[in-house]
PDB file of N, CA and C in Angstrom:
ATOM      1  N   MET A   1      11.080   4.708   9.580  1.00  0.00           N
ATOM      2  CA  MET A   1      10.657   5.234   9.183  1.00  0.00           C
ATOM      3  C   MET A   1       8.839   4.384   9.055  1.00  0.00           C
ATOM      4  N   ILE A   2       8.118   5.041   8.733  1.00  0.00           N
ATOM      5  CA  ILE A   2       6.883   4.405   9.150  1.00  0.00           C
ATOM      6  C   ILE A   2       6.545   3.730   7.894  1.00  0.00           C
ATOM      7  N   SER A   3       6.997   4.393   6.400  1.00  0.00           N
ATOM      8  CA  SER A   3       6.400   2.869   4.925  1.00  0.00           C
ATOM      9  C   SER A   3       7.235   1.746   5.145  1.00  0.00           C
ATOM     10  N   THR A   4       8.651   1.631   5.207  1.00  0.00           N
ATOM     11  CA  THR A   4       9.590   0.976   5.798  1.00  0.00           C
ATOM     12  C   THR A   4       9.184  -0.570   6.269  1.00  0.00           C
ATOM     13  N   ARG A   5       8.303   0.108   7.633  1.00  0.00           N
ATOM     14  CA  ARG A   5       7.708  -0.801   8.834  1.00  0.00           C
ATOM     15  C   ARG A   5       6.645  -1.458   8.489  1.00  0.00           C
ATOM     16  N   ILE A   6       5.649  -0.578   7.945  1.00  0.00           N
ATOM     17  CA  ILE A   6       4.402  -1.104   7.140  1.00  0.00           C
ATOM     18  C   ILE A   6       4.728  -2.524   6.575  1.00  0.00           C
ATOM     19  N   ILE A   7       5.497  -2.053   5.588  1.00  0.00           N
ATOM     20  CA  ILE A   7       5.812  -2.522   4.163  1.00  0.00           C
ATOM     21  C   ILE A   7       6.480  -4.069   4.870  1.00  0.00           C
ATOM     22  N   ARG A   8       7.104  -4.197   5.544  1.00  0.00           N
ATOM     23  CA  ARG A   8       7.966  -4.990   6.365  1.00  0.00           C
ATOM     24  C   ARG A   8       6.515  -6.276   6.595  1.00  0.00           C
ATOM     25  N   GLU A   9       5.461  -5.215   7.429  1.00  0.00           N
ATOM     26  CA  GLU A   9       4.801  -5.901   8.453  1.00  0.00           C
ATOM     27  C   GLU A   9       3.998  -7.547   7.057  1.00  0.00           C
ATOM     28  N   VAL A  10       3.326  -6.316   6.459  1.00  0.00           N
ATOM     29  CA  VAL A  10       2.217  -6.548   5.604  1.00  0.00           C
ATOM     30  C   VAL A  10       3.094  -7.973   4.630  1.00  0.00           C
ATOM     31  N   ALA A  11       4.123  -7.809   4.569  1.00  0.00           N
ATOM     32  CA  ALA A  11       4.894  -8.717   3.686  1.00  0.00           C
ATOM     33  C   ALA A  11       5.491 -10.270   4.385  1.00  0.00           C
ATOM     34  N   GLU A  12       5.570  -9.983   5.578  1.00  0.00           N
ATOM     35  CA  GLU A  12       5.259 -11.471   6.103  1.00  0.00           C
ATOM     36  C   GLU A  12       4.585 -11.634   7.351  1.00  0.00           C
ATOM     37  N   ALA A  13       3.222 -10.671   7.026  1.00  0.00           N
ATOM     38  CA  ALA A  13       2.112 -11.400   6.824  1.00  0.00           C
ATOM     39  C   ALA A  13       1.277 -12.403   5.809  1.00  0.00           C
ATOM     40  N   HIS A  14       2.249 -11.787   4.637  1.00  0.00           N
ATOM     41  CA  HIS A  14       1.393 -12.816   3.185  1.00  0.00           C
ATOM     42  C   HIS A  14       2.869 -13.524   3.231  1.00  0.00           C
ATOM     43  N   GLY A  15       3.835 -13.267   4.217  1.00  0.00           N
ATOM     44  CA  GLY A  15       4.924 -14.565   2.958  1.00  0.00           C
ATOM     45  C   GLY A  15       5.841 -14.815   2.414  1.00  0.00           C
ATOM     46  N   LEU A  16       5.927 -13.032   2.405  1.00  0.00           N
ATOM     47  CA  LEU A  16       7.118 -12.745   1.332  1.00  0.00           C
ATOM     48  C   LEU A  16       8.141 -11.553   1.515  1.00  0.00           C
ATOM     49  N   THR A  17       8.413 -11.070   1.029  1.00  0.00           N
ATOM     50  CA  THR A  17       9.772  -9.837   1.502  1.00  0.00           C
ATOM     51  C   THR A  17       9.467  -8.617   1.046  1.00  0.00           C
ATOM     52  N   PRO A  18      10.253  -7.177   1.599  1.00  0.00           N
ATOM     53  CA  PRO A  18       9.335  -6.340   1.454  1.00  0.00           C
ATOM     54  C   PRO A  18       9.596  -5.952  -0.229  1.00  0.00           C
ATOM     55  N   SER A  19      10.833  -6.550  -0.604  1.00  0.00           N
ATOM     56  CA  SER A  19      11.603  -6.292  -2.354  1.00  0.00           C
ATOM     57  C   SER A  19       9.931  -6.956  -3.184  1.00  0.00           C
ATOM     58  N   ASP A  20       9.578  -7.783  -2.277  1.00  0.00           N
ATOM     59  CA  ASP A  20       8.568  -8.480  -3.510  1.00  0.00           C
ATOM     60  C   ASP A  20       6.985  -7.624  -3.371  1.00  0.00           C
ATOM     61  N   ILE A  21       6.779  -7.286  -1.827  1.00  0.00           N
ATOM     62  CA  ILE A  21       5.362  -5.840  -1.893  1.00  0.00           C
ATOM     63  C   ILE A  21       6.316  -4.500  -3.632  1.00  0.00           C
ATOM     64  N   ILE A  22       7.637  -3.971  -3.374  1.00  0.00           N
ATOM     65  CA  ILE A  22       7.597  -3.128  -4.001  1.00  0.00           C
ATOM     66  C   ILE A  22       8.047  -3.705  -5.532  1.00  0.00           C
ATOM     67  N   GLY A  23       8.248  -4.856  -5.872  1.00  0.00           N
ATOM     68  CA  GLY A  23       8.948  -5.613  -6.709  1.00  0.00           C
ATOM     69  C   GLY A  23       7.664  -4.889  -7.984  1.00  0.00           C
ATOM     70  N   ARG A  24       7.918  -5.863  -9.162  1.00  0.00           N
ATOM     71  CA  ARG A  24       7.544  -5.971 -10.415  1.00  0.00           C
ATOM     72  C   ARG A  24       6.087  -6.849 -10.133  1.00  0.00           C
ATOM     73  N   GLU A  25       6.246  -7.513  -9.949  1.00  0.00           N
ATOM     74  CA  GLU A  25       5.624  -8.963 -10.248  1.00  0.00           C
ATOM     75  C   GLU A  25       3.974  -8.445  -9.398  1.00  0.00           C
ATOM     76  N   ARG A  26       3.185  -9.232 -10.509  1.00  0.00           N
ATOM     77  CA  ARG A  26       1.573  -9.047 -10.452  1.00  0.00           C
ATOM     78  C   ARG A  26       0.964  -9.817 -10.506  1.00  0.00           C
ATOM     79  N   THR A  27       0.696 -11.052  -9.833  1.00  0.00           N
ATOM     80  CA  THR A  27       0.309 -12.468  -9.720  1.00  0.00           C
ATOM     81  C   THR A  27      -0.142 -11.667  -8.229  1.00  0.00           C
ATOM     82  N   ARG A  28      -1.160 -12.463  -8.348  1.00  0.00           N
ATOM     83  CA  ARG A  28      -2.235 -12.403  -7.008  1.00  0.00           C
ATOM     84  C   ARG A  28      -1.962 -11.877  -6.111  1.00  0.00           C
ATOM     85  N   PRO A  29      -0.907 -13.079  -5.171  1.00  0.00           N
ATOM     86  CA  PRO A  29      -0.758 -13.183  -3.650  1.00  0.00           C
ATOM     87  C   PRO A  29       0.385 -11.656  -3.948  1.00  0.00           C
ATOM     88  N   TYR A  30       1.385 -11.381  -4.669  1.00  0.00           N
ATOM     89  CA  TYR A  30       1.800 -10.225  -4.726  1.00  0.00           C
ATOM     90  C   TYR A  30       0.934  -8.915  -4.707  1.00  0.00           C
ATOM     91  N   SER A  31       0.144  -8.864  -5.457  1.00  0.00           N
ATOM     92  CA  SER A  31      -0.953  -7.620  -5.886  1.00  0.00           C
ATOM     93  C   SER A  31      -1.385  -7.450  -4.510  1.00  0.00           C
ATOM     94  N   ARG A  32      -1.943  -8.833  -3.964  1.00  0.00           N
ATOM     95  CA  ARG A  32      -2.762  -8.281  -2.671  1.00  0.00           C
ATOM     96  C   ARG A  32      -2.101  -7.787  -2.216  1.00  0.00           C
ATOM     97  N   ALA A  33      -1.284  -8.397  -1.500  1.00  0.00           N
ATOM     98  CA  ALA A  33      -0.070  -7.656  -0.406  1.00  0.00           C
ATOM     99  C   ALA A  33       0.115  -5.963  -0.832  1.00  0.00           C
ATOM    100  N   ARG A  34       0.339  -5.649  -2.045  1.00  0.00           N
ATOM    101  CA  ARG A  34       1.187  -4.757  -2.164  1.00  0.00           C
ATOM    102  C   ARG A  34      -0.022  -3.304  -1.922  1.00  0.00           C
ATOM    103  N   HIS A  35      -1.642  -3.567  -3.023  1.00  0.00           N
ATOM    104  CA  HIS A  35      -2.630  -3.183  -2.374  1.00  0.00           C
ATOM    105  C   HIS A  35      -2.806  -2.778  -0.976  1.00  0.00           C
ATOM    106  N   GLU A  36      -3.126  -4.218  -0.099  1.00  0.00           N
ATOM    107  CA  GLU A  36      -2.750  -3.760   1.771  1.00  0.00           C
ATOM    108  C   GLU A  36      -2.188  -2.837   1.771  1.00  0.00           C
ATOM    109  N   ALA A  37      -0.269  -2.597   1.440  1.00  0.00           N
ATOM    110  CA  ALA A  37      -0.151  -1.780   2.370  1.00  0.00           C
ATOM    111  C   ALA A  37       0.492  -0.570   2.017  1.00  0.00           C
ATOM    112  N   MET A  38      -0.104  -0.227   0.628  1.00  0.00           N
ATOM    113  CA  MET A  38      -0.439   0.697  -0.028  1.00  0.00           C
ATOM    114  C   MET A  38      -1.510   1.728   0.574  1.00  0.00           C
ATOM    115  N   TRP A  39      -3.307   0.840   1.424  1.00  0.00           N
ATOM    116  CA  TRP A  39      -4.121   1.352   1.881  1.00  0.00           C
ATOM    117  C   TRP A  39      -3.539   1.403   2.962  1.00  0.00           C
ATOM    118  N   ARG A  40      -2.849   0.596   4.025  1.00  0.00           N
ATOM    119  CA  ARG A  40      -2.326   0.585   5.211  1.00  0.00           C
ATOM    120  C   ARG A  40      -1.865   2.165   5.328  1.00  0.00           C
ATOM    121  N   LEU A  41      -0.172   2.611   4.002  1.00  0.00           N
ATOM    122  CA  LEU A  41       0.205   3.789   4.158  1.00  0.00           C
ATOM    123  C   LEU A  41      -0.648   5.090   3.956  1.00  0.00           C
ATOM    124  N   TYR A  42      -1.554   5.050   3.120  1.00  0.00           N
ATOM    125  CA  TYR A  42      -2.855   5.609   2.765  1.00  0.00           C
ATOM    126  C   TYR A  42      -3.301   6.034   3.991  1.00  0.00           C
ATOM    127  N   GLN A  43      -3.574   5.208   5.116  1.00  0.00           N
ATOM    128  CA  GLN A  43      -4.878   5.839   6.341  1.00  0.00           C
ATOM    129  C   GLN A  43      -3.806   5.872   6.861  1.00  0.00           C
ATOM    130  N   VAL A  44      -2.746   6.044   7.208  1.00  0.00           N
ATOM    131  CA  VAL A  44      -1.902   6.949   8.368  1.00  0.00           C
ATOM    132  C   VAL A  44      -1.857   8.608   8.326  1.00  0.00           C
ATOM    133  N   ARG A  45      -2.460   8.929   9.295  1.00  0.00           N
ATOM    134  CA  ARG A  45      -2.334   9.981   9.608  1.00  0.00           C
ATOM    135  C   ARG A  45      -1.353  11.034  10.511  1.00  0.00           C
ATOM    136  N   LEU A  46      -1.852  12.306  10.321  1.00  0.00           N
ATOM    137  CA  LEU A  46      -0.479  13.422  11.243  1.00  0.00           C
ATOM    138  C   LEU A  46      -1.113  13.606  12.413  1.00  0.00           C
ATOM    139  N   VAL A  47      -0.837  14.118  13.318  1.00  0.00           N
ATOM    140  CA  VAL A  47      -1.555  15.185  14.283  1.00  0.00           C
ATOM    141  C   VAL A  47      -2.766  15.921  13.810  1.00  0.00           C
ATOM    142  N   ASP A  48      -2.222  16.497  13.153  1.00  0.00           N
ATOM    143  CA  ASP A  48      -3.598  17.706  12.973  1.00  0.00           C
ATOM    144  C   ASP A  48      -4.853  16.635  12.209  1.00  0.00           C
ATOM    145  N   GLY A  49      -4.492  15.395  11.654  1.00  0.00           N
ATOM    146  CA  GLY A  49      -5.647  14.881  10.713  1.00  0.00           C
ATOM    147  C   GLY A  49      -5.886  14.488   9.167  1.00  0.00           C
ATOM    148  N   ARG A  50      -4.505  15.270   8.517  1.00  0.00           N
ATOM    149  CA  ARG A  50      -4.207  14.769   6.935  1.00  0.00           C
ATOM    150  C   ARG A  50      -3.011  13.791   7.049  1.00  0.00           C
ATOM    151  N   ARG A  51      -3.694  13.180   5.803  1.00  0.00           N
ATOM    152  CA  ARG A  51      -3.173  12.303   5.646  1.00  0.00           C
ATOM    153  C   ARG A  51      -1.373  12.715   5.461  1.00  0.00           C
ATOM    154  N   ARG A  52      -0.815  11.744   6.148  1.00  0.00           N
ATOM    155  CA  ARG A  52       0.934  11.617   6.026  1.00  0.00           C
ATOM    156  C   ARG A  52       1.616  11.211   4.279  1.00  0.00           C
ATOM    157  N   TYR A  53       0.480  10.486   4.275  1.00  0.00           N
ATOM    158  CA  TYR A  53       0.909   9.951   2.608  1.00  0.00           C
ATOM    159  C   TYR A  53       0.297  10.263   1.406  1.00  0.00           C
ATOM    160  N   SER A  54      -0.090  10.114   0.103  1.00  0.00           N
ATOM    161  CA  SER A  54      -0.793  11.158  -0.637  1.00  0.00           C
ATOM    162  C   SER A  54      -0.888  10.410  -2.035  1.00  0.00           C
ATOM    163  N   PHE A  55      -0.971  10.176  -3.140  1.00  0.00           N
ATOM    164  CA  PHE A  55      -1.016   9.410  -3.674  1.00  0.00           C
ATOM    165  C   PHE A  55       0.686   9.062  -4.393  1.00  0.00           C
ATOM    166  N   PRO A  56       0.981  10.417  -4.872  1.00  0.00           N
ATOM    167  CA  PRO A  56       1.652  10.950  -5.498  1.00  0.00           C
ATOM    168  C   PRO A  56       2.887  10.548  -4.731  1.00  0.00           C
ATOM    169  N   MET A  57       3.114  10.278  -3.143  1.00  0.00           N
ATOM    170  CA  MET A  57       3.784   9.816  -2.524  1.00  0.00           C
ATOM    171  C   MET A  57       4.376   8.548  -2.251  1.00  0.00           C
ATOM    172  N   LEU A  58       2.858   7.957  -2.179  1.00  0.00           N
ATOM    173  CA  LEU A  58       2.848   6.384  -2.574  1.00  0.00           C
ATOM    174  C   LEU A  58       3.273   6.218  -3.732  1.00  0.00           C
ATOM    175  N   GLY A  59       3.106   6.573  -4.841  1.00  0.00           N
ATOM    176  CA  GLY A  59       3.866   6.478  -6.351  1.00  0.00           C
ATOM    177  C   GLY A  59       5.490   5.962  -5.901  1.00  0.00           C
ATOM    178  N   ARG A  60       5.780   7.379  -5.550  1.00  0.00           N
ATOM    179  CA  ARG A  60       7.178   6.936  -5.525  1.00  0.00           C
ATOM    180  C   ARG A  60       8.028   6.623  -4.457  1.00  0.00           C
ATOM    181  N   ILE A  61       7.048   5.881  -3.247  1.00  0.00           N
ATOM    182  CA  ILE A  61       7.506   4.697  -2.473  1.00  0.00           C
ATOM    183  C   ILE A  61       7.349   3.547  -3.363  1.00  0.00           C
ATOM    184  N   PHE A  62       6.582   2.835  -3.698  1.00  0.00           N
ATOM    185  CA  PHE A  62       6.230   1.284  -4.548  1.00  0.00           C
ATOM    186  C   PHE A  62       6.613   2.176  -6.211  1.00  0.00           C
ATOM    187  N   GLY A  63       7.217   2.987  -6.820  1.00  0.00           N
ATOM    188  CA  GLY A  63       7.972   2.819  -8.232  1.00  0.00           C
ATOM    189  C   GLY A  63       6.696   2.539  -8.890  1.00  0.00           C
ATOM    190  N   ARG A  64       5.684   3.549  -8.666  1.00  0.00           N
ATOM    191  CA  ARG A  64       4.592   3.574 -10.083  1.00  0.00           C
ATOM    192  C   ARG A  64       3.654   4.809  -9.432  1.00  0.00           C
ATOM    193  N   ASP A  65       3.169   5.028 -10.674  1.00  0.00           N
ATOM    194  CA  ASP A  65       2.385   6.014 -10.963  1.00  0.00           C
ATOM    195  C   ASP A  65       1.350   6.323  -9.786  1.00  0.00           C
ATOM    196  N   HIS A  66       0.517   7.256  -9.686  1.00  0.00           N
ATOM    197  CA  HIS A  66       0.484   7.961  -8.430  1.00  0.00           C
ATOM    198  C   HIS A  66      -1.399   6.825  -8.855  1.00  0.00           C
ATOM    199  N   THR A  67      -1.731   6.858  -9.945  1.00  0.00           N
ATOM    200  CA  THR A  67      -3.126   6.164 -10.286  1.00  0.00           C
ATOM    201  C   THR A  67      -3.616   4.876 -10.140  1.00  0.00           C
ATOM    202  N   VAL A  68      -2.269   4.249 -10.203  1.00  0.00           N
ATOM    203  CA  VAL A  68      -1.456   2.806 -10.072  1.00  0.00           C
ATOM    204  C   VAL A  68      -2.124   2.599  -8.730  1.00  0.00           C
ATOM    205  N   CYS A  69      -1.849   3.131  -7.088  1.00  0.00           N
ATOM    206  CA  CYS A  69      -2.274   3.713  -5.962  1.00  0.00           C
ATOM    207  C   CYS A  69      -3.225   3.492  -5.491  1.00  0.00           C
ATOM    208  N   LEU A  70      -4.070   4.717  -5.964  1.00  0.00           N
ATOM    209  CA  LEU A  70      -5.258   5.060  -6.450  1.00  0.00           C
ATOM    210  C   LEU A  70      -6.337   3.898  -6.701  1.00  0.00           C
ATOM    211  N   HIS A  71      -5.776   2.536  -7.610  1.00  0.00           N
ATOM    212  CA  HIS A  71      -6.477   2.095  -7.884  1.00  0.00           C
ATOM    213  C   HIS A  71      -6.509   0.778  -6.448  1.00  0.00           C
ATOM    214  N   GLY A  72      -4.702   0.559  -6.189  1.00  0.00           N
ATOM    215  CA  GLY A  72      -5.070  -0.816  -5.286  1.00  0.00           C
ATOM    216  C   GLY A  72      -5.222  -0.727  -3.858  1.00  0.00           C
ATOM    217  N   VAL A  73      -5.500   1.077  -3.793  1.00  0.00           N
ATOM    218  CA  VAL A  73      -6.540   1.323  -2.149  1.00  0.00           C
ATOM    219  C   VAL A  73      -8.005   1.269  -2.507  1.00  0.00           C
ATOM    220  N   ARG A  74      -8.487   1.091  -3.932  1.00  0.00           N
ATOM    221  CA  ARG A  74      -9.704   0.902  -4.033  1.00  0.00           C
ATOM    222  C   ARG A  74      -9.917  -0.228  -3.765  1.00  0.00           C
ATOM    223  N   ARG A  75      -8.702  -1.296  -4.649  1.00  0.00           N
ATOM    224  CA  ARG A  75      -9.224  -2.137  -5.110  1.00  0.00           C
ATOM    225  C   ARG A  75      -9.155  -2.779  -3.904  1.00  0.00           C
ATOM    226  N   HIS A  76      -8.614  -2.478  -2.467  1.00  0.00           N
ATOM    227  CA  HIS A  76      -8.348  -2.882  -1.442  1.00  0.00           C
ATOM    228  C   HIS A  76      -9.744  -2.524  -0.411  1.00  0.00           C
ATOM    229  N   GLU A  77     -10.069  -1.936  -0.460  1.00  0.00           N
ATOM    230  CA  GLU A  77     -11.389  -1.219   0.227  1.00  0.00           C
ATOM    231  C   GLU A  77     -12.092  -2.598  -0.418  1.00  0.00           C
ATOM    232  N   ALA A  78     -12.504  -2.420  -1.601  1.00  0.00           N
ATOM    233  CA  ALA A  78     -13.380  -2.830  -1.957  1.00  0.00           C
ATOM    234  C   ALA A  78     -13.418  -4.758  -1.856  1.00  0.00           C
ATOM    235  N   ARG A  79     -12.189  -5.322  -1.766  1.00  0.00           N
ATOM    236  CA  ARG A  79     -12.213  -6.562  -0.996  1.00  0.00           C
ATOM    237  C   ARG A  79     -12.699  -7.034   0.423  1.00  0.00           C
ATOM    238  N   MET A  80     -12.106  -5.311   1.573  1.00  0.00           N
ATOM    239  CA  MET A  80     -12.581  -5.276   2.797  1.00  0.00           C
ATOM    240  C   MET A  80     -14.350  -4.821   2.862  1.00  0.00           C
ATOM    241  N   GLY A  81     -14.632  -4.511   1.660  1.00  0.00           N
ATOM    242  CA  GLY A  81     -16.110  -4.095   2.148  1.00  0.00           C
ATOM    243  C   GLY A  81     -16.313  -3.046   2.808  1.00  0.00           C
ATOM    244  N   VAL A  82     -15.824  -2.122   2.918  1.00  0.00           N
ATOM    245  CA  VAL A  82     -15.249  -0.725   3.265  1.00  0.00           C
ATOM    246  C   VAL A  82     -15.464   0.425   2.240  1.00  0.00           C
ATOM    247  N   GLU A  83     -16.735   1.114   2.677  1.00  0.00           N
ATOM    248  CA  GLU A  83     -17.035   2.525   2.130  1.00  0.00           C
ATOM    249  C   GLU A  83     -15.977   3.283   2.242  1.00  0.00           C
ATOM    250  N   ALA A  84     -15.691   3.638   0.817  1.00  0.00           N
ATOM    251  CA  ALA A  84     -14.837   4.764   1.227  1.00  0.00           C
ATOM    252  C   ALA A  84     -14.721   5.954   1.265  1.00  0.00           C
TER     253      ALA A  84
END
């Protein structure tokens, strides 16, 4: 599944485990990695151009409310300097 692969890749890049990414820890290294994983999943597109994962879907994957995922994606974009 795409979501588990991306979460695993982000976790490895940050020296964490996939459980750390999905977990409840809120310190900076965990939240930044989690935001990156949310952003990367949000960028996945279907063949017809639609997004593969909506914010409610991301919320279910990460065990959070969809607004938390929206915030995480926006924070990651701000850190990267990406105009949304």
